[in-house]
Full PDB file with SEQRES, HELIX, SHEET, SSBOND, CRYST1, ORIGX, SCALE, CONECT and MASTER records, all heavy atoms in Angstrom:
SEQRES   1 A   35  VAL SER ILE ARG MET GLU GLY ASN ILE ASN LEU TYR SER          
SEQRES   2 A   35  TYR ASN PHE ILE CYS SER SER PRO GLY HIS SER ASP PHE          
SEQRES   3 A   35  GLY ALA THR GLY MET SER SER SER ASP                          
SHEET    1 AA1 2 SER A   2  MET A   5  0                                        
SHEET    2 AA1 2 LEU A  11  SER A  13 -1                                        
CRYST1    1.000    1.000    1.000  90.00  90.00  90.00 P 1           1          
ORIGX1      1.000000  0.000000  0.000000        0.00000                         
ORIGX2      0.000000  1.000000  0.000000        0.00000                         
ORIGX3      0.000000  0.000000  1.000000        0.00000                         
SCALE1      1.000000  0.000000  0.000000        0.00000                         
SCALE2      0.000000  1.000000  0.000000        0.00000                         
SCALE3      0.000000  0.000000  1.000000        0.00000                         
ATOM      1  N   VAL A   1     -73.206 120.262  62.973  1.00  0.00           N  
ATOM      2  CA  VAL A   1     -73.726 119.792  64.244  1.00  0.00           C  
ATOM      3  C   VAL A   1     -75.182 119.382  64.045  1.00  0.00           C  
ATOM      4  O   VAL A   1     -75.955 120.102  63.422  1.00  0.00           O  
ATOM      5  CB  VAL A   1     -73.635 120.890  65.323  1.00  0.00           C  
ATOM      6  CG1 VAL A   1     -74.273 120.440  66.610  1.00  0.00           C  
ATOM      7  CG2 VAL A   1     -72.202 121.300  65.558  1.00  0.00           C  
ATOM      8  N   SER A   2     -75.526 118.233  64.552  1.00  0.00           N  
ATOM      9  CA  SER A   2     -76.919 117.791  64.468  1.00  0.00           C  
ATOM     10  C   SER A   2     -77.429 117.484  65.870  1.00  0.00           C  
ATOM     11  O   SER A   2     -76.667 117.101  66.752  1.00  0.00           O  
ATOM     12  CB  SER A   2     -77.045 116.558  63.579  1.00  0.00           C  
ATOM     13  OG  SER A   2     -76.320 115.479  64.122  1.00  0.00           O  
ATOM     14  N   ILE A   3     -78.720 117.677  66.045  1.00  0.00           N  
ATOM     15  CA  ILE A   3     -79.322 117.367  67.340  1.00  0.00           C  
ATOM     16  C   ILE A   3     -79.732 115.898  67.330  1.00  0.00           C  
ATOM     17  O   ILE A   3     -80.375 115.429  66.410  1.00  0.00           O  
ATOM     18  CB  ILE A   3     -80.505 118.298  67.674  1.00  0.00           C  
ATOM     19  CG1 ILE A   3     -80.925 118.084  69.108  1.00  0.00           C  
ATOM     20  CG2 ILE A   3     -81.640 118.139  66.708  1.00  0.00           C  
ATOM     21  CD1 ILE A   3     -81.651 119.243  69.729  1.00  0.00           C  
ATOM     22  N   ARG A   4     -79.299 115.160  68.343  1.00  0.00           N  
ATOM     23  CA  ARG A   4     -79.599 113.735  68.443  1.00  0.00           C  
ATOM     24  C   ARG A   4     -80.791 113.474  69.346  1.00  0.00           C  
ATOM     25  O   ARG A   4     -81.495 112.502  69.188  1.00  0.00           O  
ATOM     26  CB  ARG A   4     -78.385 112.987  68.987  1.00  0.00           C  
ATOM     27  CG  ARG A   4     -77.152 113.017  68.120  1.00  0.00           C  
ATOM     28  CD  ARG A   4     -77.201 111.994  67.015  1.00  0.00           C  
ATOM     29  NE  ARG A   4     -77.361 110.648  67.480  1.00  0.00           N  
ATOM     30  CZ  ARG A   4     -76.389 109.772  67.678  1.00  0.00           C  
ATOM     31  NH1 ARG A   4     -75.153 110.113  67.444  1.00  0.00           N  
ATOM     32  NH2 ARG A   4     -76.649 108.564  68.106  1.00  0.00           N  
ATOM     33  N   MET A   5     -80.982 114.373  70.347  1.00  0.00           N  
ATOM     34  CA  MET A   5     -82.055 114.170  71.311  1.00  0.00           C  
ATOM     35  C   MET A   5     -82.400 115.515  71.940  1.00  0.00           C  
ATOM     36  O   MET A   5     -81.514 116.304  72.245  1.00  0.00           O  
ATOM     37  CB  MET A   5     -81.573 113.201  72.393  1.00  0.00           C  
ATOM     38  CG  MET A   5     -82.630 112.653  73.270  1.00  0.00           C  
ATOM     39  SD  MET A   5     -81.945 111.466  74.466  1.00  0.00           S  
ATOM     40  CE  MET A   5     -80.943 110.413  73.446  1.00  0.00           C  
ATOM     41  N   GLU A   6     -83.706 115.767  72.132  1.00  0.00           N  
ATOM     42  CA  GLU A   6     -84.152 116.993  72.777  1.00  0.00           C  
ATOM     43  C   GLU A   6     -84.916 116.657  74.046  1.00  0.00           C  
ATOM     44  O   GLU A   6     -85.594 115.643  74.115  1.00  0.00           O  
ATOM     45  CB  GLU A   6     -85.062 117.793  71.847  1.00  0.00           C  
ATOM     46  CG  GLU A   6     -84.343 118.430  70.687  1.00  0.00           C  
ATOM     47  CD  GLU A   6     -85.271 119.284  69.859  1.00  0.00           C  
ATOM     48  OE1 GLU A   6     -85.955 118.726  68.992  1.00  0.00           O  
ATOM     49  OE2 GLU A   6     -85.286 120.500  70.106  1.00  0.00           O  
ATOM     50  N   GLY A   7     -84.810 117.516  75.027  1.00  0.00           N  
ATOM     51  CA  GLY A   7     -85.504 117.330  76.293  1.00  0.00           C  
ATOM     52  C   GLY A   7     -84.895 118.243  77.325  1.00  0.00           C  
ATOM     53  O   GLY A   7     -84.407 119.324  77.011  1.00  0.00           O  
ATOM     54  N   ASN A   8     -84.917 117.807  78.581  1.00  0.00           N  
ATOM     55  CA  ASN A   8     -84.291 118.592  79.643  1.00  0.00           C  
ATOM     56  C   ASN A   8     -82.783 118.687  79.437  1.00  0.00           C  
ATOM     57  O   ASN A   8     -82.147 119.626  79.871  1.00  0.00           O  
ATOM     58  CB  ASN A   8     -84.604 118.001  81.011  1.00  0.00           C  
ATOM     59  CG  ASN A   8     -86.061 118.200  81.367  1.00  0.00           C  
ATOM     60  OD1 ASN A   8     -86.628 119.245  81.092  1.00  0.00           O  
ATOM     61  ND2 ASN A   8     -86.673 117.191  81.953  1.00  0.00           N  
ATOM     62  N   ILE A   9     -82.231 117.664  78.798  1.00  0.00           N  
ATOM     63  CA  ILE A   9     -80.850 117.715  78.321  1.00  0.00           C  
ATOM     64  C   ILE A   9     -80.896 117.472  76.823  1.00  0.00           C  
ATOM     65  O   ILE A   9     -81.460 116.473  76.369  1.00  0.00           O  
ATOM     66  CB  ILE A   9     -79.947 116.659  78.989  1.00  0.00           C  
ATOM     67  CG1 ILE A   9     -79.811 116.908  80.488  1.00  0.00           C  
ATOM     68  CG2 ILE A   9     -78.573 116.642  78.323  1.00  0.00           C  
ATOM     69  CD1 ILE A   9     -78.976 115.873  81.217  1.00  0.00           C  
ATOM     70  N   ASN A  10     -80.348 118.400  76.059  1.00  0.00           N  
ATOM     71  CA  ASN A  10     -80.240 118.224  74.613  1.00  0.00           C  
ATOM     72  C   ASN A  10     -78.898 117.584  74.302  1.00  0.00           C  
ATOM     73  O   ASN A  10     -77.876 117.941  74.896  1.00  0.00           O  
ATOM     74  CB  ASN A  10     -80.347 119.556  73.872  1.00  0.00           C  
ATOM     75  CG  ASN A  10     -81.740 120.141  73.961  1.00  0.00           C  
ATOM     76  OD1 ASN A  10     -82.725 119.436  74.131  1.00  0.00           O  
ATOM     77  ND2 ASN A  10     -81.834 121.446  73.854  1.00  0.00           N  
ATOM     78  N   LEU A  11     -78.908 116.639  73.372  1.00  0.00           N  
ATOM     79  CA  LEU A  11     -77.691 115.954  72.960  1.00  0.00           C  
ATOM     80  C   LEU A  11     -77.424 116.292  71.502  1.00  0.00           C  
ATOM     81  O   LEU A  11     -78.275 116.070  70.645  1.00  0.00           O  
ATOM     82  CB  LEU A  11     -77.847 114.441  73.141  1.00  0.00           C  
ATOM     83  CG  LEU A  11     -76.690 113.566  72.679  1.00  0.00           C  
ATOM     84  CD1 LEU A  11     -75.434 113.851  73.500  1.00  0.00           C  
ATOM     85  CD2 LEU A  11     -77.072 112.097  72.772  1.00  0.00           C  
ATOM     86  N   TYR A  12     -76.262 116.852  71.252  1.00  0.00           N  
ATOM     87  CA  TYR A  12     -75.832 117.205  69.901  1.00  0.00           C  
ATOM     88  C   TYR A  12     -74.634 116.342  69.544  1.00  0.00           C  
ATOM     89  O   TYR A  12     -73.917 115.863  70.418  1.00  0.00           O  
ATOM     90  CB  TYR A  12     -75.403 118.674  69.831  1.00  0.00           C  
ATOM     91  CG  TYR A  12     -76.461 119.650  70.262  1.00  0.00           C  
ATOM     92  CD1 TYR A  12     -76.583 120.030  71.595  1.00  0.00           C  
ATOM     93  CD2 TYR A  12     -77.341 120.195  69.340  1.00  0.00           C  
ATOM     94  CE1 TYR A  12     -77.553 120.932  72.000  1.00  0.00           C  
ATOM     95  CE2 TYR A  12     -78.319 121.097  69.735  1.00  0.00           C  
ATOM     96  CZ  TYR A  12     -78.415 121.463  71.066  1.00  0.00           C  
ATOM     97  OH  TYR A  12     -79.380 122.347  71.457  1.00  0.00           O  
ATOM     98  N   SER A  13     -74.412 116.177  68.245  1.00  0.00           N  
ATOM     99  CA  SER A  13     -73.201 115.473  67.824  1.00  0.00           C  
ATOM    100  C   SER A  13     -72.692 116.079  66.525  1.00  0.00           C  
ATOM    101  O   SER A  13     -73.434 116.702  65.777  1.00  0.00           O  
ATOM    102  CB  SER A  13     -73.465 113.979  67.651  1.00  0.00           C  
ATOM    103  OG  SER A  13     -74.271 113.739  66.531  1.00  0.00           O  
ATOM    104  N   TYR A  14     -71.425 115.889  66.309  1.00  0.00           N  
ATOM    105  CA  TYR A  14     -70.817 116.251  65.036  1.00  0.00           C  
ATOM    106  C   TYR A  14     -69.673 115.286  64.771  1.00  0.00           C  
ATOM    107  O   TYR A  14     -69.167 114.624  65.674  1.00  0.00           O  
ATOM    108  CB  TYR A  14     -70.349 117.712  65.015  1.00  0.00           C  
ATOM    109  CG  TYR A  14     -69.197 118.046  65.925  1.00  0.00           C  
ATOM    110  CD1 TYR A  14     -67.884 117.974  65.483  1.00  0.00           C  
ATOM    111  CD2 TYR A  14     -69.424 118.451  67.235  1.00  0.00           C  
ATOM    112  CE1 TYR A  14     -66.828 118.294  66.322  1.00  0.00           C  
ATOM    113  CE2 TYR A  14     -68.370 118.782  68.073  1.00  0.00           C  
ATOM    114  CZ  TYR A  14     -67.077 118.696  67.603  1.00  0.00           C  
ATOM    115  OH  TYR A  14     -66.034 119.010  68.433  1.00  0.00           O  
ATOM    116  N   ASN A  15     -69.317 115.169  63.517  1.00  0.00           N  
ATOM    117  CA  ASN A  15     -68.219 114.296  63.097  1.00  0.00           C  
ATOM    118  C   ASN A  15     -67.076 115.142  62.586  1.00  0.00           C  
ATOM    119  O   ASN A  15     -67.297 116.156  61.926  1.00  0.00           O  
ATOM    120  CB  ASN A  15     -68.673 113.338  62.000  1.00  0.00           C  
ATOM    121  CG  ASN A  15     -69.625 112.293  62.520  1.00  0.00           C  
ATOM    122  OD1 ASN A  15     -69.287 111.539  63.413  1.00  0.00           O  
ATOM    123  ND2 ASN A  15     -70.822 112.252  61.975  1.00  0.00           N  
ATOM    124  N   PHE A  16     -65.886 114.731  62.892  1.00  0.00           N  
ATOM    125  CA  PHE A  16     -64.721 115.360  62.294  1.00  0.00           C  
ATOM    126  C   PHE A  16     -63.739 114.276  61.906  1.00  0.00           C  
ATOM    127  O   PHE A  16     -63.804 113.152  62.386  1.00  0.00           O  
ATOM    128  CB  PHE A  16     -64.090 116.406  63.220  1.00  0.00           C  
ATOM    129  CG  PHE A  16     -63.367 115.852  64.404  1.00  0.00           C  
ATOM    130  CD1 PHE A  16     -61.998 115.634  64.358  1.00  0.00           C  
ATOM    131  CD2 PHE A  16     -64.041 115.551  65.578  1.00  0.00           C  
ATOM    132  CE1 PHE A  16     -61.329 115.115  65.450  1.00  0.00           C  
ATOM    133  CE2 PHE A  16     -63.380 115.049  66.678  1.00  0.00           C  
ATOM    134  CZ  PHE A  16     -62.014 114.831  66.608  1.00  0.00           C  
ATOM    135  N   ILE A  17     -62.860 114.636  61.000  1.00  0.00           N  
ATOM    136  CA  ILE A  17     -61.865 113.693  60.501  1.00  0.00           C  
ATOM    137  C   ILE A  17     -60.545 113.966  61.202  1.00  0.00           C  
ATOM    138  O   ILE A  17     -60.048 115.084  61.218  1.00  0.00           O  
ATOM    139  CB  ILE A  17     -61.677 113.843  58.968  1.00  0.00           C  
ATOM    140  CG1 ILE A  17     -63.015 113.690  58.238  1.00  0.00           C  
ATOM    141  CG2 ILE A  17     -60.642 112.850  58.455  1.00  0.00           C  
ATOM    142  CD1 ILE A  17     -63.699 112.366  58.440  1.00  0.00           C  
ATOM    143  N   CYS A  18     -60.004 112.928  61.770  1.00  0.00           N  
ATOM    144  CA  CYS A  18     -58.727 113.011  62.455  1.00  0.00           C  
ATOM    145  C   CYS A  18     -57.672 112.408  61.530  1.00  0.00           C  
ATOM    146  O   CYS A  18     -57.683 111.206  61.280  1.00  0.00           O  
ATOM    147  CB  CYS A  18     -58.814 112.247  63.773  1.00  0.00           C  
ATOM    148  SG  CYS A  18     -57.390 112.475  64.813  1.00  0.00           S  
ATOM    149  N   SER A  19     -56.804 113.243  60.994  1.00  0.00           N  
ATOM    150  CA  SER A  19     -55.781 112.778  60.059  1.00  0.00           C  
ATOM    151  C   SER A  19     -54.506 112.396  60.793  1.00  0.00           C  
ATOM    152  O   SER A  19     -54.129 113.035  61.773  1.00  0.00           O  
ATOM    153  CB  SER A  19     -55.444 113.877  59.049  1.00  0.00           C  
ATOM    154  OG  SER A  19     -56.568 114.189  58.282  1.00  0.00           O  
ATOM    155  N   SER A  20     -53.855 111.390  60.262  1.00  0.00           N  
ATOM    156  CA  SER A  20     -52.552 111.015  60.800  1.00  0.00           C  
ATOM    157  C   SER A  20     -51.510 111.976  60.252  1.00  0.00           C  
ATOM    158  O   SER A  20     -51.553 112.336  59.082  1.00  0.00           O  
ATOM    159  CB  SER A  20     -52.201 109.588  60.374  1.00  0.00           C  
ATOM    160  OG  SER A  20     -53.136 108.693  60.895  1.00  0.00           O  
ATOM    161  N   PRO A  21     -50.569 112.402  61.079  1.00  0.00           N  
ATOM    162  CA  PRO A  21     -49.555 113.348  60.613  1.00  0.00           C  
ATOM    163  C   PRO A  21     -48.705 112.746  59.501  1.00  0.00           C  
ATOM    164  O   PRO A  21     -48.400 111.562  59.504  1.00  0.00           O  
ATOM    165  CB  PRO A  21     -48.698 113.624  61.848  1.00  0.00           C  
ATOM    166  CG  PRO A  21     -49.207 112.762  62.926  1.00  0.00           C  
ATOM    167  CD  PRO A  21     -50.404 112.021  62.448  1.00  0.00           C  
ATOM    168  N   GLY A  22     -48.349 113.591  58.537  1.00  0.00           N  
ATOM    169  CA  GLY A  22     -47.452 113.157  57.473  1.00  0.00           C  
ATOM    170  C   GLY A  22     -48.126 112.463  56.314  1.00  0.00           C  
ATOM    171  O   GLY A  22     -47.453 112.033  55.384  1.00  0.00           O  
ATOM    172  N   HIS A  23     -49.435 112.315  56.332  1.00  0.00           N  
ATOM    173  CA  HIS A  23     -50.136 111.643  55.235  1.00  0.00           C  
ATOM    174  C   HIS A  23     -50.860 112.670  54.382  1.00  0.00           C  
ATOM    175  O   HIS A  23     -51.613 113.477  54.884  1.00  0.00           O  
ATOM    176  CB  HIS A  23     -51.152 110.621  55.773  1.00  0.00           C  
ATOM    177  CG  HIS A  23     -50.508 109.394  56.304  1.00  0.00           C  
ATOM    178  ND1 HIS A  23     -50.051 109.321  57.591  1.00  0.00           N  
ATOM    179  CD2 HIS A  23     -50.208 108.209  55.717  1.00  0.00           C  
ATOM    180  CE1 HIS A  23     -49.512 108.126  57.785  1.00  0.00           C  
ATOM    181  NE2 HIS A  23     -49.593 107.432  56.667  1.00  0.00           N  
ATOM    182  N   SER A  24     -50.604 112.606  53.092  1.00  0.00           N  
ATOM    183  CA  SER A  24     -51.298 113.512  52.176  1.00  0.00           C  
ATOM    184  C   SER A  24     -51.778 112.777  50.934  1.00  0.00           C  
ATOM    185  O   SER A  24     -51.970 113.373  49.895  1.00  0.00           O  
ATOM    186  CB  SER A  24     -50.377 114.673  51.787  1.00  0.00           C  
ATOM    187  OG  SER A  24     -49.221 114.166  51.161  1.00  0.00           O  
ATOM    188  N   ASP A  25     -51.955 111.479  51.045  1.00  0.00           N  
ATOM    189  CA  ASP A  25     -52.378 110.674  49.899  1.00  0.00           C  
ATOM    190  C   ASP A  25     -53.902 110.634  49.813  1.00  0.00           C  
ATOM    191  O   ASP A  25     -54.531 109.654  50.127  1.00  0.00           O  
ATOM    192  CB  ASP A  25     -51.797 109.259  49.972  1.00  0.00           C  
ATOM    193  CG  ASP A  25     -52.118 108.549  51.280  1.00  0.00           C  
ATOM    194  OD1 ASP A  25     -52.300 109.246  52.302  1.00  0.00           O  
ATOM    195  OD2 ASP A  25     -52.207 107.311  51.267  1.00  0.00           O  
ATOM    196  N   PHE A  26     -54.501 111.731  49.387  1.00  0.00           N  
ATOM    197  CA  PHE A  26     -55.949 111.831  49.322  1.00  0.00           C  
ATOM    198  C   PHE A  26     -56.485 111.067  48.136  1.00  0.00           C  
ATOM    199  O   PHE A  26     -55.957 111.148  47.037  1.00  0.00           O  
ATOM    200  CB  PHE A  26     -56.389 113.300  49.238  1.00  0.00           C  
ATOM    201  CG  PHE A  26     -56.128 114.044  50.506  1.00  0.00           C  
ATOM    202  CD1 PHE A  26     -55.041 114.882  50.631  1.00  0.00           C  
ATOM    203  CD2 PHE A  26     -56.962 113.874  51.597  1.00  0.00           C  
ATOM    204  CE1 PHE A  26     -54.789 115.559  51.801  1.00  0.00           C  
ATOM    205  CE2 PHE A  26     -56.720 114.541  52.778  1.00  0.00           C  
ATOM    206  CZ  PHE A  26     -55.635 115.384  52.879  1.00  0.00           C  
ATOM    207  N   GLY A  27     -57.575 110.348  48.360  1.00  0.00           N  
ATOM    208  CA  GLY A  27     -58.224 109.592  47.300  1.00  0.00           C  
ATOM    209  C   GLY A  27     -59.393 110.361  46.727  1.00  0.00           C  
ATOM    210  O   GLY A  27     -59.508 111.577  46.889  1.00  0.00           O  
ATOM    211  N   ALA A  28     -60.275 109.651  46.071  1.00  0.00           N  
ATOM    212  CA  ALA A  28     -61.424 110.263  45.404  1.00  0.00           C  
ATOM    213  C   ALA A  28     -62.360 110.944  46.391  1.00  0.00           C  
ATOM    214  O   ALA A  28     -63.030 111.911  46.052  1.00  0.00           O  
ATOM    215  CB  ALA A  28     -62.179 109.206  44.605  1.00  0.00           C  
ATOM    216  N   THR A  29     -62.406 110.472  47.642  1.00  0.00           N  
ATOM    217  CA  THR A  29     -63.312 111.057  48.630  1.00  0.00           C  
ATOM    218  C   THR A  29     -62.702 112.266  49.323  1.00  0.00           C  
ATOM    219  O   THR A  29     -63.358 112.928  50.100  1.00  0.00           O  
ATOM    220  CB  THR A  29     -63.683 110.025  49.712  1.00  0.00           C  
ATOM    221  OG1 THR A  29     -62.497 109.662  50.405  1.00  0.00           O  
ATOM    222  CG2 THR A  29     -64.363 108.818  49.125  1.00  0.00           C  
ATOM    223  N   GLY A  30     -61.420 112.538  49.048  1.00  0.00           N  
ATOM    224  CA  GLY A  30     -60.752 113.634  49.731  1.00  0.00           C  
ATOM    225  C   GLY A  30     -60.188 113.219  51.075  1.00  0.00           C  
ATOM    226  O   GLY A  30     -59.675 114.023  51.814  1.00  0.00           O  
ATOM    227  N   MET A  31     -60.320 111.930  51.397  1.00  0.00           N  
ATOM    228  CA  MET A  31     -59.807 111.421  52.661  1.00  0.00           C  
ATOM    229  C   MET A  31     -58.658 110.466  52.393  1.00  0.00           C  
ATOM    230  O   MET A  31     -58.688 109.701  51.446  1.00  0.00           O  
ATOM    231  CB  MET A  31     -60.897 110.672  53.434  1.00  0.00           C  
ATOM    232  CG  MET A  31     -61.980 111.546  54.001  1.00  0.00           C  
ATOM    233  SD  MET A  31     -63.293 110.598  54.819  1.00  0.00           S  
ATOM    234  CE  MET A  31     -62.398 109.619  55.989  1.00  0.00           C  
ATOM    235  N   SER A  32     -57.671 110.531  53.218  1.00  0.00           N  
ATOM    236  CA  SER A  32     -56.575 109.582  53.158  1.00  0.00           C  
ATOM    237  C   SER A  32     -57.065 108.267  53.758  1.00  0.00           C  
ATOM    238  O   SER A  32     -58.004 108.241  54.555  1.00  0.00           O  
ATOM    239  CB  SER A  32     -55.409 110.148  53.960  1.00  0.00           C  
ATOM    240  OG  SER A  32     -54.571 109.141  54.429  1.00  0.00           O  
ATOM    241  N   SER A  33     -56.411 107.180  53.417  1.00  0.00           N  
ATOM    242  CA  SER A  33     -56.802 105.884  53.981  1.00  0.00           C  
ATOM    243  C   SER A  33     -56.546 105.813  55.473  1.00  0.00           C  
ATOM    244  O   SER A  33     -57.090 104.965  56.167  1.00  0.00           O  
ATOM    245  CB  SER A  33     -56.063 104.753  53.259  1.00  0.00           C  
ATOM    246  OG  SER A  33     -54.671 104.942  53.420  1.00  0.00           O  
ATOM    247  N   SER A  34     -55.704 106.721  55.988  1.00  0.00           N  
ATOM    248  CA  SER A  34     -55.402 106.717  57.426  1.00  0.00           C  
ATOM    249  C   SER A  34     -56.291 107.676  58.212  1.00  0.00           C  
ATOM    250  O   SER A  34     -56.175 107.769  59.420  1.00  0.00           O  
ATOM    251  CB  SER A  34     -53.930 107.067  57.652  1.00  0.00           C  
ATOM    252  OG  SER A  34     -53.673 108.370  57.179  1.00  0.00           O  
ATOM    253  N   ASP A  35     -57.178 108.413  57.535  1.00  0.00           N  
ATOM    254  CA  ASP A  35     -58.086 109.336  58.222  1.00  0.00           C  
ATOM    255  C   ASP A  35     -59.163 108.558  58.956  1.00  0.00           C  
ATOM    256  O   ASP A  35     -59.691 107.584  58.436  1.00  0.00           O  
ATOM    257  CB  ASP A  35     -58.751 110.300  57.235  1.00  0.00           C  
ATOM    258  CG  ASP A  35     -57.761 111.296  56.653  1.00  0.00           C  
ATOM    259  OD1 ASP A  35     -56.673 111.448  57.237  1.00  0.00           O  
ATOM    260  OD2 ASP A  35     -58.075 111.895  55.622  1.00  0.00           O  
TER     261      ASP A  35                                                      
MASTER        0    0    0    0    2    0    0    6  260    1    0    3          
END                                                                             
C-alpha cells in the first residue's frame, strides 16, 4: 500500500493481480499473459 495524497482525506492505493481462472502458464515475470 502506498500513500498517494495526504491531507484532510488521505488517499492510498495498492495494486493486485487479477488472474483468469484456469490459467497457469506463468512466464518469466511470474504472471500469466491473461493476468
